[in-house]
Amino acid sequence: MNDTLLSLLATVAAYLIGSLSFAVIFSKLMGLADPRSYGSGNPGATNVLRSGNKAAAILTLVFDALKGYLPVLAVLIWGERYGLGEGTAALVGLGAFLGHLWPAFFKFKGGKGVATAAGVLFALNPLLGVATLATWAILVFFTRLVSLGSIVAALFAPLYQALIWDMGPIVGAAGLMGLLLVWRHEANIKRLFAGTESRLGAKK
């Protein structure tokens, strides 16, 4: 089996892993309402938190991040022996991220991908992950606006990689994820400009 086919198969596998919508899964397991039916309608940790169940929100956050982190880490650890390098790792990360956005198991209606993208970045370059997470945390701490922190962090991630580390596949993956994240936050951006965006901890 050649490297190209292996890379494609790894990316498809990552997409399927990314298609596991843990917001919906954990909400169902814990007897909560479908997160797509209230609040922002987004199947993600922030919206699950609006249910009032912090445990469900934390589990969603952790597993959404892990489904981006673990496939990339697997390629970085075991891929070299099969001729798979950083380029494949970046593609696998994108695959997991796209699976979260358009999940094959949930009618292709997924979340915004913030936690999954964070998991991908931490696996590709842990220091980039830390820098991006710090950007998000600082903004959310001072503004209580999760969406604003997510948008700014998403835009800064590829810039951090390019300016501090190198111009490689990671820049491309981070850049594409960043653009898609901003696009998925279109409604949030409109509410931010209108001053109606909900702050962390508020219930809709």
Protein backbone atom coordinates (compact mmCIF):
# COMPACT_ATOMS: atom_id res chain seq x y z
CA MET A 1 0.00 0.00 0.00
CA ASN A 2 1.52 3.32 -1.05
CA ASP A 3 1.92 6.40 1.12
CA THR A 4 -0.80 8.38 -0.67
CA LEU A 5 -3.44 5.71 -0.11
CA LEU A 6 -2.42 5.29 3.52
CA SER A 7 -2.64 9.03 4.03
CA LEU A 8 -6.12 9.08 2.47
CA LEU A 9 -7.32 6.18 4.60
CA ALA A 10 -5.97 7.83 7.76
CA THR A 11 -7.76 11.06 6.88
CA VAL A 12 -11.07 9.26 6.25
CA ALA A 13 -10.71 7.39 9.56
CA ALA A 14 -10.08 10.69 11.35
CA TYR A 15 -13.16 12.19 9.67
CA LEU A 16 -15.30 9.32 10.99
CA ILE A 17 -13.86 9.75 14.48
CA GLY A 18 -14.55 13.48 14.23
CA SER A 19 -18.14 12.66 13.24
CA LEU A 20 -18.87 11.44 16.76
CA SER A 21 -20.92 14.32 18.19
CA PHE A 22 -20.20 13.98 21.89
CA ALA A 23 -22.53 16.84 22.82
CA VAL A 24 -25.44 14.79 21.51
CA ILE A 25 -24.05 11.46 22.78
CA PHE A 26 -23.44 12.58 26.37
CA SER A 27 -26.68 14.55 26.52
CA LYS A 28 -28.59 11.44 25.51
CA LEU A 29 -26.69 9.20 27.94
CA MET A 30 -27.32 11.63 30.80
CA GLY A 31 -31.00 12.15 30.03
CA LEU A 32 -30.63 15.76 28.86
CA ALA A 33 -32.35 17.54 26.01
CA ASP A 34 -30.69 17.39 22.61
CA PRO A 35 -28.29 20.40 22.54
CA ARG A 36 -29.45 21.13 19.01
CA SER A 37 -32.91 21.92 20.39
CA TYR A 38 -32.10 24.85 22.72
CA GLY A 39 -29.79 27.82 23.19
CA SER A 40 -27.67 28.43 20.12
CA GLY A 41 -28.59 25.01 18.73
CA ASN A 42 -24.89 24.22 18.47
CA PRO A 43 -23.86 20.69 19.54
CA GLY A 44 -20.85 21.81 21.56
CA ALA A 45 -19.69 22.14 25.16
CA THR A 46 -20.72 25.79 25.57
CA ASN A 47 -24.31 25.07 24.60
CA VAL A 48 -24.45 21.89 26.69
CA LEU A 49 -23.40 24.05 29.66
CA ARG A 50 -26.63 26.00 29.18
CA SER A 51 -28.50 22.84 30.20
CA GLY A 52 -27.12 23.40 33.69
CA ASN A 53 -25.24 20.10 33.68
CA LYS A 54 -21.56 20.98 34.09
CA ALA A 55 -20.44 17.34 34.00
CA ALA A 56 -22.00 16.85 30.57
CA ALA A 57 -20.36 20.05 29.32
CA ILE A 58 -16.93 19.05 30.62
CA LEU A 59 -17.20 15.55 29.11
CA THR A 60 -18.23 17.08 25.79
CA LEU A 61 -15.31 19.49 25.84
CA VAL A 62 -12.76 16.79 26.72
CA PHE A 63 -13.93 14.23 24.19
CA ASP A 64 -14.39 16.79 21.40
CA ALA A 65 -10.78 17.82 21.96
CA LEU A 66 -9.55 14.21 22.16
CA LYS A 67 -11.12 13.28 18.83
CA GLY A 68 -8.92 15.93 17.24
CA TYR A 69 -5.85 15.18 19.36
CA LEU A 70 -5.60 11.39 19.30
CA PRO A 71 -5.77 10.72 15.52
CA VAL A 72 -3.03 13.30 14.89
CA LEU A 73 -0.92 11.94 17.74
CA ALA A 74 -1.30 8.42 16.34
CA VAL A 75 0.13 9.53 12.98
CA LEU A 76 3.01 11.37 14.64
CA ILE A 77 3.89 8.36 16.80
CA TRP A 78 3.37 5.47 14.37
CA GLY A 79 3.15 7.10 10.95
CA GLU A 80 6.87 7.49 10.24
CA ARG A 81 7.40 3.74 9.85
CA TYR A 82 4.78 3.80 7.08
CA GLY A 83 6.11 6.92 5.39
CA LEU A 84 3.55 9.26 6.91
CA GLY A 85 4.88 12.57 8.18
CA GLU A 86 3.74 16.00 9.29
CA GLY A 87 1.75 16.57 6.10
CA THR A 88 -0.41 13.52 6.77
CA ALA A 89 -0.76 14.51 10.42
CA ALA A 90 -2.08 17.91 9.32
CA LEU A 91 -4.53 16.25 6.89
CA VAL A 92 -5.71 13.86 9.59
CA GLY A 93 -6.30 16.83 11.89
CA LEU A 94 -8.36 18.53 9.21
CA GLY A 95 -10.29 15.32 8.67
CA ALA A 96 -11.26 15.11 12.34
CA PHE A 97 -12.19 18.80 12.36
CA LEU A 98 -14.36 18.48 9.24
CA GLY A 99 -16.03 15.45 10.79
CA HIS A 100 -17.09 17.59 13.74
CA LEU A 101 -18.46 20.29 11.44
CA TRP A 102 -20.23 17.88 9.10
CA PRO A 103 -20.67 14.58 11.00
CA ALA A 104 -21.55 11.57 8.88
CA PHE A 105 -23.47 10.01 11.79
CA PHE A 106 -25.61 13.07 12.58
CA LYS A 107 -27.03 14.15 9.22
CA PHE A 108 -23.94 16.32 8.55
CA LYS A 109 -25.14 18.90 11.10
CA GLY A 110 -22.33 19.47 13.57
CA GLY A 111 -20.81 22.05 15.84
CA LYS A 112 -18.35 24.87 15.33
CA GLY A 113 -15.26 22.79 16.05
CA VAL A 114 -13.44 24.93 18.61
CA ALA A 115 -12.51 22.11 21.00
CA THR A 116 -11.65 19.72 18.16
CA ALA A 117 -9.43 22.33 16.49
CA ALA A 118 -7.70 22.92 19.83
CA GLY A 119 -7.03 19.20 20.12
CA VAL A 120 -5.55 19.14 16.63
CA LEU A 121 -3.26 22.08 17.36
CA PHE A 122 -2.03 20.60 20.64
CA ALA A 123 -1.09 17.39 18.84
CA LEU A 124 0.60 19.09 15.88
CA ASN A 125 2.53 21.59 17.99
CA PRO A 126 1.92 21.61 21.76
CA LEU A 127 3.39 25.10 22.17
CA LEU A 128 1.11 26.42 19.45
CA GLY A 129 -1.78 24.84 21.31
CA VAL A 130 -0.75 26.58 24.52
CA ALA A 131 -0.39 29.96 22.79
CA THR A 132 -3.77 29.61 21.10
CA LEU A 133 -5.51 28.44 24.26
CA ALA A 134 -3.94 31.31 26.23
CA THR A 135 -5.28 33.79 23.67
CA TRP A 136 -8.76 32.30 23.99
CA ALA A 137 -8.63 32.17 27.81
CA ILE A 138 -7.48 35.77 28.21
CA LEU A 139 -10.25 37.11 25.98
CA VAL A 140 -12.94 34.96 27.61
CA PHE A 141 -11.74 35.90 31.10
CA PHE A 142 -12.04 39.62 30.44
CA THR A 143 -15.12 39.63 28.18
CA ARG A 144 -17.02 36.44 29.15
CA LEU A 145 -17.63 36.06 25.42
CA VAL A 146 -16.65 32.55 24.36
CA SER A 147 -17.36 33.26 20.70
CA LEU A 148 -15.06 36.30 20.61
CA GLY A 149 -12.24 34.34 22.22
CA SER A 150 -12.75 31.49 19.76
CA ILE A 151 -12.74 33.76 16.70
CA VAL A 152 -9.63 35.71 17.69
CA ALA A 153 -7.73 32.58 18.76
CA ALA A 154 -8.63 30.86 15.49
CA LEU A 155 -7.26 33.77 13.46
CA PHE A 156 -4.09 34.04 15.51
CA ALA A 157 -3.17 30.33 15.45
CA PRO A 158 -1.75 30.23 11.89
CA LEU A 159 0.03 33.55 12.49
CA TYR A 160 1.69 32.18 15.63
CA GLN A 161 2.84 29.09 13.75
CA ALA A 162 4.21 31.08 10.81
CA LEU A 163 5.93 33.79 12.84
CA ILE A 164 7.28 31.76 15.76
CA TRP A 165 7.88 28.33 14.26
CA ASP A 166 7.81 27.62 10.51
CA MET A 167 5.80 27.79 7.31
CA GLY A 168 4.73 24.20 6.82
CA PRO A 169 1.65 21.97 6.71
CA ILE A 170 0.62 23.12 10.17
CA VAL A 171 0.14 26.68 8.93
CA GLY A 172 -2.16 25.42 6.19
CA ALA A 173 -4.19 23.25 8.54
CA ALA A 174 -4.45 25.97 11.20
CA GLY A 175 -5.34 28.57 8.57
CA LEU A 176 -8.11 26.50 7.01
CA MET A 177 -9.55 25.55 10.40
CA GLY A 178 -9.40 29.21 11.42
CA LEU A 179 -11.33 30.37 8.36
CA LEU A 180 -13.96 27.68 8.82
CA LEU A 181 -14.28 28.53 12.51
CA VAL A 182 -14.89 32.20 11.71
CA TRP A 183 -17.44 31.21 9.07
CA ARG A 184 -19.24 28.92 11.53
CA HIS A 185 -19.41 31.84 13.96
CA GLU A 186 -21.19 34.10 11.46
CA ALA A 187 -24.31 34.41 13.62
CA ASN A 188 -22.18 35.10 16.70
CA ILE A 189 -20.29 37.83 14.85
CA LYS A 190 -23.57 39.53 13.98
CA ARG A 191 -24.67 39.35 17.62
CA LEU A 192 -21.29 40.66 18.79
CA PHE A 193 -21.67 43.75 16.61
CA ALA A 194 -25.27 44.15 17.78
CA GLY A 195 -24.24 43.76 21.43
CA THR A 196 -26.64 40.86 21.96
CA GLU A 197 -24.20 37.94 22.18
CA SER A 198 -24.73 35.90 25.35
CA ARG A 199 -21.94 35.79 27.89
CA LEU A 200 -20.48 32.74 29.58
CA GLY A 201 -22.78 31.34 32.24
CA ALA A 202 -25.93 32.98 30.85
CA LYS A 203 -28.91 30.78 30.02
CA LYS A 204 -31.04 31.27 26.97
